[in-house]
Amino acid sequence: MIKAITFDLDDTLWDIWPVVERAEQLLHHWLAVRYPRIPERFTPLELRELSGEVSAIRPEIAHDRTLLRKEALWLAARRTGYAEFDVEGAFAVYFVARNAVEPFAEVRPTLERLARRYALASLSNGNADLRLIGLDDLFSVSLNAIEVGAAKPESLMFEEVCRLLGTPPARIVHVGDDPEHDVQGGQNAGFRTVWVNRTGRGWPGGLPADAEISDLAELEAVLAGWEQPG
């Protein structure tokens, strides 16, 4: 009997990359007014790529998207000769815009119906803020890699949500778009898994998910089928 459903957020409940790119452009404009040498040297994409450079140097913070962005901004500031830099102000510009997402049309109605029957939780490797997005009222638990200290597909986030929900993994379904982080991670933790494949991609290999859907509305039929006796 299924008791709970856990959801990935970015690219599962909304399309994230156009939003991230817009947030990076807004940050670039903010920097141009206050720290012009940074955008003169770095494009928005190059500023993002500095996060990868930081991650390679400091793998212990690779799971923390917020800290990586801040450290990348500090790195850009130092390389352009700024000894003082308002990293919190810069990140706030990015963070608010990064959370200005538009959930797919079926997301809220589907979650509202599911929440009447199941405990819902979110498990994200990113730093989405469900309060800013306006979906926090539908989730009884929300976890991300920053809080837990490890990113999917590592098991820690899955184990923690089981503890917080008081539900064993065999009674939880994890729903997400990433074959490795969500499907493989959920499988390794003992969850049933549903792959959200909105773009008709081919399965990349490995053990497939228990079900595949093209949008969240299809999840209800999957769950109903699993709950049929026999």
Protein backbone atom coordinates (compact mmCIF):
# COMPACT_ATOMS: atom_id res chain seq x y z
CA MET A 1 0.00 0.00 0.00
CA ILE A 2 1.47 3.34 -1.05
CA LYS A 3 1.53 5.87 1.77
CA ALA A 4 3.69 8.70 0.43
CA ILE A 5 5.02 10.25 -2.78
CA THR A 6 8.27 12.17 -3.05
CA PHE A 7 8.92 14.57 -5.91
CA ASP A 8 11.97 16.05 -7.52
CA LEU A 9 11.40 19.76 -8.29
CA ASP A 10 13.46 21.31 -11.12
CA ASP A 11 12.49 19.94 -14.54
CA THR A 12 9.88 17.71 -12.89
CA LEU A 13 7.37 20.29 -11.68
CA TRP A 14 8.60 23.18 -13.85
CA ASP A 15 11.06 23.95 -16.64
CA ILE A 16 14.12 25.32 -14.86
CA TRP A 17 16.78 26.28 -17.42
CA PRO A 18 15.02 29.24 -19.07
CA VAL A 19 14.43 30.58 -15.54
CA VAL A 20 18.07 30.10 -14.53
CA GLU A 21 19.27 31.84 -17.68
CA ARG A 22 16.98 34.81 -17.01
CA ALA A 23 18.18 34.96 -13.38
CA GLU A 24 21.79 34.96 -14.58
CA GLN A 25 21.05 37.83 -16.98
CA LEU A 26 19.42 39.87 -14.18
CA LEU A 27 22.44 39.22 -11.97
CA HIS A 28 24.74 40.29 -14.83
CA HIS A 29 22.86 43.59 -15.15
CA TRP A 30 23.04 44.12 -11.37
CA LEU A 31 26.79 43.53 -11.43
CA ALA A 32 27.22 45.92 -14.37
CA VAL A 33 25.89 48.79 -12.24
CA ARG A 34 27.83 47.98 -9.06
CA TYR A 35 30.88 45.93 -10.07
CA PRO A 36 31.30 46.59 -13.81
CA ARG A 37 34.65 44.86 -14.17
CA ILE A 38 33.00 41.49 -13.44
CA PRO A 39 30.50 41.49 -16.37
CA GLU A 40 33.15 43.08 -18.60
CA ARG A 41 35.30 39.99 -18.08
CA PHE A 42 32.71 37.23 -17.55
CA THR A 43 29.56 36.39 -19.52
CA PRO A 44 26.60 34.98 -17.54
CA LEU A 45 27.54 31.49 -18.68
CA GLU A 46 31.18 31.97 -17.67
CA LEU A 47 30.05 33.08 -14.21
CA ARG A 48 28.01 29.87 -13.94
CA GLU A 49 30.97 27.81 -15.08
CA LEU A 50 33.05 29.23 -12.24
CA SER A 51 30.84 27.15 -9.93
CA GLY A 52 32.31 24.05 -11.56
CA GLU A 53 35.80 25.39 -10.94
CA VAL A 54 34.96 25.95 -7.27
CA SER A 55 33.44 22.47 -7.04
CA ALA A 56 36.62 20.89 -8.41
CA ILE A 57 38.73 22.70 -5.83
CA ARG A 58 36.29 22.15 -2.95
CA PRO A 59 34.42 18.88 -3.60
CA GLU A 60 33.11 18.90 -0.03
CA ILE A 61 30.66 21.68 -1.00
CA ALA A 62 29.71 20.30 -4.42
CA HIS A 63 26.21 19.40 -3.14
CA ASP A 64 25.49 22.99 -2.03
CA ARG A 65 24.28 24.99 -5.05
CA THR A 66 23.88 28.16 -2.99
CA LEU A 67 27.39 28.12 -1.57
CA LEU A 68 28.84 27.23 -4.96
CA ARG A 69 27.18 30.27 -6.56
CA LYS A 70 28.40 32.56 -3.79
CA GLU A 71 31.95 31.24 -3.93
CA ALA A 72 31.94 31.55 -7.74
CA LEU A 73 30.87 35.19 -7.42
CA TRP A 74 33.63 35.83 -4.88
CA LEU A 75 36.11 34.22 -7.27
CA ALA A 76 34.97 36.51 -10.08
CA ALA A 77 35.27 39.53 -7.79
CA ARG A 78 38.82 38.64 -6.77
CA ARG A 79 39.89 37.99 -10.35
CA THR A 80 38.64 41.42 -11.39
CA GLY A 81 40.31 43.25 -8.53
CA TYR A 82 37.45 43.79 -6.06
CA ALA A 83 38.64 43.33 -2.48
CA GLU A 84 35.13 44.09 -1.18
CA PHE A 85 32.04 42.56 -2.71
CA ASP A 86 28.37 42.31 -1.65
CA VAL A 87 27.98 38.60 -2.30
CA GLU A 88 24.72 38.36 -0.31
CA GLY A 89 23.15 41.15 -2.32
CA ALA A 90 24.32 39.63 -5.58
CA PHE A 91 23.04 36.19 -4.69
CA ALA A 92 19.68 37.60 -3.52
CA VAL A 93 19.11 39.07 -7.01
CA TYR A 94 19.81 35.69 -8.56
CA PHE A 95 17.88 33.67 -5.99
CA VAL A 96 14.61 35.59 -6.23
CA ALA A 97 14.68 35.36 -10.02
CA ARG A 98 15.69 31.69 -9.92
CA ASN A 99 12.53 30.96 -7.95
CA ALA A 100 10.24 32.87 -10.32
CA VAL A 101 9.25 29.59 -11.95
CA GLU A 102 5.94 28.69 -13.58
CA PRO A 103 4.84 25.16 -12.63
CA PHE A 104 3.52 23.09 -15.50
CA ALA A 105 -0.24 23.56 -15.87
CA GLU A 106 -1.19 20.18 -14.41
CA VAL A 107 1.09 20.37 -11.39
CA ARG A 108 -0.97 22.16 -8.73
CA PRO A 109 -4.31 20.47 -9.54
CA THR A 110 -2.63 17.05 -9.54
CA LEU A 111 -0.74 17.68 -6.32
CA GLU A 112 -3.90 18.95 -4.64
CA ARG A 113 -5.72 15.72 -5.49
CA LEU A 114 -2.79 13.53 -4.47
CA ALA A 115 -2.37 15.36 -1.17
CA ARG A 116 -5.83 14.20 -0.10
CA ARG A 117 -4.67 10.56 -0.22
CA TYR A 118 -0.91 10.57 0.30
CA ALA A 119 1.77 12.40 2.25
CA LEU A 120 3.75 14.47 -0.25
CA ALA A 121 7.41 15.43 0.08
CA SER A 122 9.97 17.14 -2.13
CA LEU A 123 13.56 15.97 -2.61
CA SER A 124 15.75 18.37 -4.57
CA ASN A 125 19.43 18.68 -5.40
CA GLY A 126 18.81 22.36 -6.15
CA ASN A 127 17.95 25.36 -4.01
CA ALA A 128 14.35 25.97 -5.06
CA ASP A 129 12.23 27.63 -2.36
CA LEU A 130 8.67 26.25 -2.38
CA ARG A 131 7.48 29.20 -0.29
CA LEU A 132 8.57 31.67 -2.96
CA ILE A 133 7.14 29.43 -5.67
CA GLY A 134 3.81 29.02 -3.87
CA LEU A 135 3.58 25.23 -3.55
CA ASP A 136 4.78 24.81 0.03
CA ASP A 137 1.23 24.25 1.31
CA LEU A 138 1.05 20.91 -0.55
CA PHE A 139 4.13 19.26 0.95
CA SER A 140 4.44 17.90 4.46
CA VAL A 141 8.24 17.57 4.11
CA SER A 142 10.68 19.44 1.87
CA LEU A 143 14.34 18.45 1.73
CA ASN A 144 17.27 19.53 -0.39
CA ALA A 145 20.90 18.54 -0.70
CA ILE A 146 22.06 21.63 1.20
CA GLU A 147 20.10 20.69 4.34
CA VAL A 148 20.87 16.98 4.18
CA GLY A 149 24.53 17.31 3.24
CA ALA A 150 24.42 15.02 0.20
CA ALA A 151 22.80 15.06 -3.23
CA LYS A 152 20.78 12.40 -5.00
CA PRO A 153 21.49 9.66 -6.06
CA GLU A 154 23.20 9.22 -2.69
CA SER A 155 20.83 7.58 -0.25
CA LEU A 156 20.92 10.10 2.59
CA MET A 157 18.04 12.28 1.36
CA PHE A 158 15.86 9.24 0.72
CA GLU A 159 16.66 7.83 4.15
CA GLU A 160 15.90 11.15 5.83
CA VAL A 161 12.50 11.52 4.19
CA CYS A 162 11.57 8.00 5.34
CA ARG A 163 12.47 9.01 8.88
CA LEU A 164 10.54 12.27 8.76
CA LEU A 165 7.46 10.69 7.20
CA GLY A 166 7.62 7.64 9.44
CA THR A 167 7.13 5.48 6.36
CA PRO A 168 9.27 2.58 5.06
CA PRO A 169 10.76 2.93 1.57
CA ALA A 170 8.63 0.13 0.12
CA ARG A 171 5.55 2.31 0.72
CA ILE A 172 6.96 5.42 -0.98
CA VAL A 173 7.02 6.34 -4.68
CA HIS A 174 9.67 8.75 -5.93
CA VAL A 175 8.84 10.83 -9.02
CA GLY A 176 11.47 12.68 -11.01
CA ASP A 177 12.97 13.51 -14.40
CA ASP A 178 16.58 12.43 -13.92
CA PRO A 179 17.40 8.77 -14.69
CA GLU A 180 20.39 8.76 -12.36
CA HIS A 181 19.48 11.12 -9.53
CA ASP A 182 15.81 10.19 -9.30
CA VAL A 183 15.29 6.74 -10.77
CA GLN A 184 18.55 5.08 -9.81
CA GLY A 185 18.69 6.94 -6.50
CA GLY A 186 15.14 5.95 -5.62
CA GLN A 187 15.68 2.35 -6.65
CA ASN A 188 18.83 2.06 -4.54
CA ALA A 189 16.88 3.39 -1.55
CA GLY A 190 14.10 0.82 -2.01
CA PHE A 191 11.46 3.23 -3.38
CA ARG A 192 9.19 2.58 -6.31
CA THR A 193 10.09 5.04 -9.04
CA VAL A 194 8.29 6.99 -11.75
CA TRP A 195 10.28 8.64 -14.52
CA VAL A 196 8.85 11.95 -15.75
CA ASN A 197 9.83 12.09 -19.42
CA ARG A 198 8.20 15.23 -20.84
CA THR A 199 10.28 15.35 -24.02
CA GLY A 200 10.10 11.73 -25.21
CA ARG A 201 13.75 10.90 -24.52
CA GLY A 202 14.98 7.35 -24.89
CA TRP A 203 15.86 5.51 -21.70
CA PRO A 204 19.65 5.84 -21.26
CA GLY A 205 20.20 2.33 -19.93
CA GLY A 206 20.17 0.55 -16.62
CA LEU A 207 17.19 -0.69 -14.68
CA PRO A 208 14.15 1.31 -15.87
CA ALA A 209 11.69 3.00 -13.56
CA ASP A 210 8.57 1.16 -12.45
CA ALA A 211 6.56 3.55 -14.63
CA GLU A 212 7.11 6.34 -17.14
CA ILE A 213 4.83 9.36 -17.57
CA SER A 214 4.90 12.40 -19.85
CA ASP A 215 3.20 14.74 -17.37
CA LEU A 216 2.15 14.65 -13.75
CA ALA A 217 -1.54 14.07 -14.48
CA GLU A 218 -0.69 10.56 -15.67
CA LEU A 219 0.66 9.68 -12.22
CA GLU A 220 -2.82 9.17 -10.78
CA ALA A 221 -3.61 6.36 -13.22
CA VAL A 222 -0.26 4.72 -12.46
CA LEU A 223 -0.96 4.77 -8.74
CA ALA A 224 -4.50 3.50 -9.22
CA GLY A 225 -3.19 0.57 -11.25
CA TRP A 226 -0.68 -0.36 -8.58
CA GLU A 227 -3.35 -0.28 -5.91
CA GLN A 228 -5.69 -2.69 -7.71
CA PRO A 229 -5.97 -6.01 -5.84
CA GLY A 230 -4.27 -9.00 -7.47
